[in-house]
Amino acid sequence: MHAPDAFGAGDASRYAAHIYTQQVALMKTSVRNSIYINRSPEVVAGVLLDPSKVILWTSDLEKFEVISKEPGLVGSKARLHYVEGGRRYVMEDHLLEVEPNRRYLSRVSGDAIDAKVETFLKPAGTGTQIEVHWTGNGKHLLLKLILPFMRKNIARQAQKDLEKLKELVESI
């Protein structure tokens, strides 16, 4: 295969760099975590959707600011104020789809990352199996390149957050 005319005849390395850049732009990093919580899906959802409780189980989250609509309703939006390693940043959470007490799909975005977070609450015995699927990518080339290598750290932190959620919910 030869380089298209747009790059000039024989400029294969430039063409390859262009193709690589397009592939990186399409790359998404995915993380899946789950945990069993010994409470009903309704109780778990109540804690998940309570703005005053989100900061108790989400790492580095300092403030959950409701922008529009009640949390748990399709179209609701919130600003998530984080402090990580002394650096402050804000992300926006937009709830896209809801199956009450069963499934929630949000788009979470900020200056550096754009992600979809899908949370499933599945009845299991006397409790709930909660599964969280996070799929996102960096908005800047460098973050697009390194985010896949951060996957294990993201998964580890997400699991710790679920463990804090479990402890919180089961204390109610």
C-alpha atoms as a PDB file:
ATOM      1  CA  MET A   1       0.000   0.000   0.000  1.00  0.00           C
ATOM      2  CA  HIS A   2       1.372   3.417  -0.827  1.00  0.00           C
ATOM      3  CA  ALA A   3       0.728   6.756   0.849  1.00  0.00           C
ATOM      4  CA  PRO A   4      -2.182   8.783  -0.538  1.00  0.00           C
ATOM      5  CA  ASP A   5      -1.472  11.823  -2.653  1.00  0.00           C
ATOM      6  CA  ALA A   6      -2.431  14.114   0.235  1.00  0.00           C
ATOM      7  CA  PHE A   7       0.911  13.250   1.834  1.00  0.00           C
ATOM      8  CA  GLY A   8       2.974  13.376  -1.335  1.00  0.00           C
ATOM      9  CA  ALA A   9       4.383  10.463  -3.221  1.00  0.00           C
ATOM     10  CA  GLY A  10       6.589   8.192  -1.127  1.00  0.00           C
ATOM     11  CA  ASP A  11       5.966   9.859   2.234  1.00  0.00           C
ATOM     12  CA  ALA A  12       5.065   6.576   3.970  1.00  0.00           C
ATOM     13  CA  SER A  13       6.332   7.542   7.425  1.00  0.00           C
ATOM     14  CA  ARG A  14       4.111  10.615   7.513  1.00  0.00           C
ATOM     15  CA  TYR A  15       1.152   8.506   6.400  1.00  0.00           C
ATOM     16  CA  ALA A  16       1.904   5.901   9.092  1.00  0.00           C
ATOM     17  CA  ALA A  17       2.050   8.634  11.752  1.00  0.00           C
ATOM     18  CA  HIS A  18      -1.321   9.943  10.542  1.00  0.00           C
ATOM     19  CA  ILE A  19      -2.893   6.460  10.746  1.00  0.00           C
ATOM     20  CA  TYR A  20      -1.390   5.883  14.213  1.00  0.00           C
ATOM     21  CA  THR A  21      -2.777   9.215  15.457  1.00  0.00           C
ATOM     22  CA  GLN A  22      -6.239   8.280  14.163  1.00  0.00           C
ATOM     23  CA  GLN A  23      -6.057   4.894  15.917  1.00  0.00           C
ATOM     24  CA  VAL A  24      -4.970   6.495  19.206  1.00  0.00           C
ATOM     25  CA  ALA A  25      -7.899   8.922  18.951  1.00  0.00           C
ATOM     26  CA  LEU A  26     -10.282   5.935  18.805  1.00  0.00           C
ATOM     27  CA  MET A  27      -8.694   3.988  21.689  1.00  0.00           C
ATOM     28  CA  LYS A  28     -10.781   3.629  24.797  1.00  0.00           C
ATOM     29  CA  THR A  29      -9.752   2.223  28.135  1.00  0.00           C
ATOM     30  CA  SER A  30     -12.233  -0.013  29.953  1.00  0.00           C
ATOM     31  CA  VAL A  31     -12.396  -1.074  33.575  1.00  0.00           C
ATOM     32  CA  ARG A  32     -14.925  -3.395  35.213  1.00  0.00           C
ATOM     33  CA  ASN A  33     -15.368  -3.856  38.931  1.00  0.00           C
ATOM     34  CA  SER A  34     -17.928  -5.608  41.092  1.00  0.00           C
ATOM     35  CA  ILE A  35     -18.771  -6.328  44.704  1.00  0.00           C
ATOM     36  CA  TYR A  36     -21.546  -7.983  46.677  1.00  0.00           C
ATOM     37  CA  ILE A  37     -23.389  -5.742  49.157  1.00  0.00           C
ATOM     38  CA  ASN A  38     -25.653  -7.356  51.731  1.00  0.00           C
ATOM     39  CA  ARG A  39     -28.523  -4.919  51.193  1.00  0.00           C
ATOM     40  CA  SER A  40     -31.350  -4.670  48.656  1.00  0.00           C
ATOM     41  CA  PRO A  41     -30.860  -2.842  45.326  1.00  0.00           C
ATOM     42  CA  GLU A  42     -33.215  -0.118  46.604  1.00  0.00           C
ATOM     43  CA  VAL A  43     -31.005   0.562  49.632  1.00  0.00           C
ATOM     44  CA  VAL A  44     -27.823   0.485  47.527  1.00  0.00           C
ATOM     45  CA  ALA A  45     -29.341   2.857  44.947  1.00  0.00           C
ATOM     46  CA  GLY A  46     -30.416   5.200  47.726  1.00  0.00           C
ATOM     47  CA  VAL A  47     -26.801   5.565  48.856  1.00  0.00           C
ATOM     48  CA  LEU A  48     -25.429   5.750  45.291  1.00  0.00           C
ATOM     49  CA  LEU A  49     -27.751   8.637  44.451  1.00  0.00           C
ATOM     50  CA  ASP A  50     -27.435  10.592  47.705  1.00  0.00           C
ATOM     51  CA  PRO A  51     -25.147  13.615  47.037  1.00  0.00           C
ATOM     52  CA  SER A  52     -24.211  13.851  50.723  1.00  0.00           C
ATOM     53  CA  LYS A  53     -23.018  10.229  50.751  1.00  0.00           C
ATOM     54  CA  VAL A  54     -21.125  10.108  47.439  1.00  0.00           C
ATOM     55  CA  ILE A  55     -18.177  11.965  48.963  1.00  0.00           C
ATOM     56  CA  LEU A  56     -17.962   9.319  51.715  1.00  0.00           C
ATOM     57  CA  TRP A  57     -17.066   6.503  49.351  1.00  0.00           C
ATOM     58  CA  THR A  58     -15.551   8.134  46.230  1.00  0.00           C
ATOM     59  CA  SER A  59     -11.795   8.708  46.415  1.00  0.00           C
ATOM     60  CA  ASP A  60     -10.586  12.303  46.189  1.00  0.00           C
ATOM     61  CA  LEU A  61     -14.144  13.639  45.742  1.00  0.00           C
ATOM     62  CA  GLU A  62     -14.496  16.769  47.859  1.00  0.00           C
ATOM     63  CA  LYS A  63     -17.925  17.998  46.747  1.00  0.00           C
ATOM     64  CA  PHE A  64     -20.886  16.714  44.706  1.00  0.00           C
ATOM     65  CA  GLU A  65     -22.731  19.760  43.366  1.00  0.00           C
ATOM     66  CA  VAL A  66     -26.168  19.159  41.819  1.00  0.00           C
ATOM     67  CA  ILE A  67     -26.562  21.395  38.738  1.00  0.00           C
ATOM     68  CA  SER A  68     -29.927  20.290  37.400  1.00  0.00           C
ATOM     69  CA  LYS A  69     -32.687  17.820  38.196  1.00  0.00           C
ATOM     70  CA  GLU A  70     -32.807  15.452  41.100  1.00  0.00           C
ATOM     71  CA  PRO A  71     -30.013  12.823  41.188  1.00  0.00           C
ATOM     72  CA  GLY A  72     -31.333   9.582  39.716  1.00  0.00           C
ATOM     73  CA  LEU A  73     -33.485  11.237  37.050  1.00  0.00           C
ATOM     74  CA  VAL A  74     -32.523  11.077  33.375  1.00  0.00           C
ATOM     75  CA  GLY A  75     -30.919  14.367  32.422  1.00  0.00           C
ATOM     76  CA  SER A  76     -29.702  15.185  35.917  1.00  0.00           C
ATOM     77  CA  LYS A  77     -26.297  16.858  36.026  1.00  0.00           C
ATOM     78  CA  ALA A  78     -23.745  17.369  38.739  1.00  0.00           C
ATOM     79  CA  ARG A  79     -20.305  18.907  39.097  1.00  0.00           C
ATOM     80  CA  LEU A  80     -17.814  16.617  40.785  1.00  0.00           C
ATOM     81  CA  HIS A  81     -15.121  18.592  42.630  1.00  0.00           C
ATOM     82  CA  TYR A  82     -11.944  16.570  43.201  1.00  0.00           C
ATOM     83  CA  VAL A  83      -8.655  17.169  44.995  1.00  0.00           C
ATOM     84  CA  GLU A  84      -5.986  14.668  43.999  1.00  0.00           C
ATOM     85  CA  GLY A  85      -2.399  15.072  45.132  1.00  0.00           C
ATOM     86  CA  GLY A  86      -3.074  18.720  45.962  1.00  0.00           C
ATOM     87  CA  ARG A  87      -4.459  19.416  42.479  1.00  0.00           C
ATOM     88  CA  ARG A  88      -8.074  20.510  42.133  1.00  0.00           C
ATOM     89  CA  TYR A  89     -10.232  19.672  39.143  1.00  0.00           C
ATOM     90  CA  VAL A  90     -13.902  19.503  38.259  1.00  0.00           C
ATOM     91  CA  MET A  91     -15.766  16.974  36.155  1.00  0.00           C
ATOM     92  CA  GLU A  92     -19.386  16.958  35.034  1.00  0.00           C
ATOM     93  CA  ASP A  93     -21.647  13.943  35.479  1.00  0.00           C
ATOM     94  CA  HIS A  94     -24.661  13.747  33.151  1.00  0.00           C
ATOM     95  CA  LEU A  95     -27.121  10.903  33.788  1.00  0.00           C
ATOM     96  CA  LEU A  96     -28.118   9.531  30.381  1.00  0.00           C
ATOM     97  CA  GLU A  97     -30.186   6.408  31.091  1.00  0.00           C
ATOM     98  CA  VAL A  98     -31.947   4.989  34.154  1.00  0.00           C
ATOM     99  CA  GLU A  99     -33.655   1.769  35.092  1.00  0.00           C
ATOM    100  CA  PRO A 100     -34.454   2.645  38.733  1.00  0.00           C
ATOM    101  CA  ASN A 101     -32.659   0.439  41.258  1.00  0.00           C
ATOM    102  CA  ARG A 102     -31.213  -1.655  38.394  1.00  0.00           C
ATOM    103  CA  ARG A 103     -29.040   0.353  35.964  1.00  0.00           C
ATOM    104  CA  TYR A 104     -27.588   3.856  35.604  1.00  0.00           C
ATOM    105  CA  LEU A 105     -25.553   5.177  32.668  1.00  0.00           C
ATOM    106  CA  SER A 106     -23.660   8.450  33.015  1.00  0.00           C
ATOM    107  CA  ARG A 107     -21.273  10.457  30.903  1.00  0.00           C
ATOM    108  CA  VAL A 108     -18.501  11.912  33.033  1.00  0.00           C
ATOM    109  CA  SER A 109     -16.261  14.499  31.440  1.00  0.00           C
ATOM    110  CA  GLY A 110     -13.674  17.073  32.337  1.00  0.00           C
ATOM    111  CA  ASP A 111     -10.740  18.894  30.801  1.00  0.00           C
ATOM    112  CA  ALA A 112      -8.687  15.717  30.421  1.00  0.00           C
ATOM    113  CA  ILE A 113     -11.041  12.707  30.255  1.00  0.00           C
ATOM    114  CA  ASP A 114     -14.366  11.730  28.742  1.00  0.00           C
ATOM    115  CA  ALA A 115     -15.943   8.510  30.035  1.00  0.00           C
ATOM    116  CA  LYS A 116     -19.159   6.556  30.288  1.00  0.00           C
ATOM    117  CA  VAL A 117     -19.909   4.866  33.582  1.00  0.00           C
ATOM    118  CA  GLU A 118     -22.546   2.152  33.652  1.00  0.00           C
ATOM    119  CA  THR A 119     -23.637   0.826  37.038  1.00  0.00           C
ATOM    120  CA  PHE A 120     -25.679  -2.355  37.397  1.00  0.00           C
ATOM    121  CA  LEU A 121     -27.493  -3.387  40.585  1.00  0.00           C
ATOM    122  CA  LYS A 122     -28.435  -7.062  40.413  1.00  0.00           C
ATOM    123  CA  PRO A 123     -30.453  -8.792  43.141  1.00  0.00           C
ATOM    124  CA  ALA A 124     -28.371 -11.665  44.534  1.00  0.00           C
ATOM    125  CA  GLY A 125     -29.603 -13.723  47.468  1.00  0.00           C
ATOM    126  CA  THR A 126     -30.472 -11.282  50.232  1.00  0.00           C
ATOM    127  CA  GLY A 127     -28.345  -8.512  48.760  1.00  0.00           C
ATOM    128  CA  THR A 128     -27.066  -6.862  45.603  1.00  0.00           C
ATOM    129  CA  GLN A 129     -24.262  -7.607  43.206  1.00  0.00           C
ATOM    130  CA  ILE A 130     -23.082  -4.223  41.964  1.00  0.00           C
ATOM    131  CA  GLU A 131     -21.075  -3.985  38.749  1.00  0.00           C
ATOM    132  CA  VAL A 132     -19.468  -0.825  37.445  1.00  0.00           C
ATOM    133  CA  HIS A 133     -18.233  -0.572  33.852  1.00  0.00           C
ATOM    134  CA  TRP A 134     -16.033   2.471  33.124  1.00  0.00           C
ATOM    135  CA  THR A 135     -15.030   3.193  29.511  1.00  0.00           C
ATOM    136  CA  GLY A 136     -13.193   6.347  28.607  1.00  0.00           C
ATOM    137  CA  ASN A 137     -10.386   8.057  26.836  1.00  0.00           C
ATOM    138  CA  GLY A 138      -8.121  11.021  27.264  1.00  0.00           C
ATOM    139  CA  LYS A 139      -8.903  14.247  25.487  1.00  0.00           C
ATOM    140  CA  HIS A 140      -5.246  15.092  24.869  1.00  0.00           C
ATOM    141  CA  LEU A 141      -2.818  12.952  22.872  1.00  0.00           C
ATOM    142  CA  LEU A 142      -0.477  12.244  25.794  1.00  0.00           C
ATOM    143  CA  LEU A 143      -3.316  11.072  28.027  1.00  0.00           C
ATOM    144  CA  LYS A 144      -4.756   9.012  25.167  1.00  0.00           C
ATOM    145  CA  LEU A 145      -1.411   7.251  24.992  1.00  0.00           C
ATOM    146  CA  ILE A 146      -0.860   6.640  28.714  1.00  0.00           C
ATOM    147  CA  LEU A 147      -4.421   5.967  29.911  1.00  0.00           C
ATOM    148  CA  PRO A 148      -4.353   2.303  28.782  1.00  0.00           C
ATOM    149  CA  PHE A 149      -1.221   1.824  30.933  1.00  0.00           C
ATOM    150  CA  MET A 150      -3.060   3.338  33.931  1.00  0.00           C
ATOM    151  CA  ARG A 151      -5.867   0.790  33.633  1.00  0.00           C
ATOM    152  CA  LYS A 152      -4.705  -1.404  36.544  1.00  0.00           C
ATOM    153  CA  ASN A 153      -4.394   1.604  38.855  1.00  0.00           C
ATOM    154  CA  ILE A 154      -7.842   2.847  37.826  1.00  0.00           C
ATOM    155  CA  ALA A 155      -9.328  -0.614  38.462  1.00  0.00           C
ATOM    156  CA  ARG A 156      -7.595  -0.898  41.846  1.00  0.00           C
ATOM    157  CA  GLN A 157      -8.898   2.508  42.961  1.00  0.00           C
ATOM    158  CA  ALA A 158     -12.411   1.745  41.694  1.00  0.00           C
ATOM    159  CA  GLN A 159     -12.426  -1.501  43.698  1.00  0.00           C
ATOM    160  CA  LYS A 160     -11.352   0.361  46.842  1.00  0.00           C
ATOM    161  CA  ASP A 161     -14.217   2.802  46.267  1.00  0.00           C
ATOM    162  CA  LEU A 162     -16.670  -0.089  45.949  1.00  0.00           C
ATOM    163  CA  GLU A 163     -15.344  -1.551  49.189  1.00  0.00           C
ATOM    164  CA  LYS A 164     -15.962   1.807  50.920  1.00  0.00           C
ATOM    165  CA  LEU A 165     -19.454   1.864  49.392  1.00  0.00           C
ATOM    166  CA  LYS A 166     -20.124  -1.636  50.720  1.00  0.00           C
ATOM    167  CA  GLU A 167     -18.992  -0.654  54.209  1.00  0.00           C
ATOM    168  CA  LEU A 168     -21.154   2.478  54.131  1.00  0.00           C
ATOM    169  CA  VAL A 169     -24.296   0.742  52.813  1.00  0.00           C
ATOM    170  CA  GLU A 170     -24.013  -2.210  55.175  1.00  0.00           C
ATOM    171  CA  SER A 171     -23.671   0.161  58.146  1.00  0.00           C
ATOM    172  CA  ILE A 172     -27.138   1.566  57.434  1.00  0.00           C
END
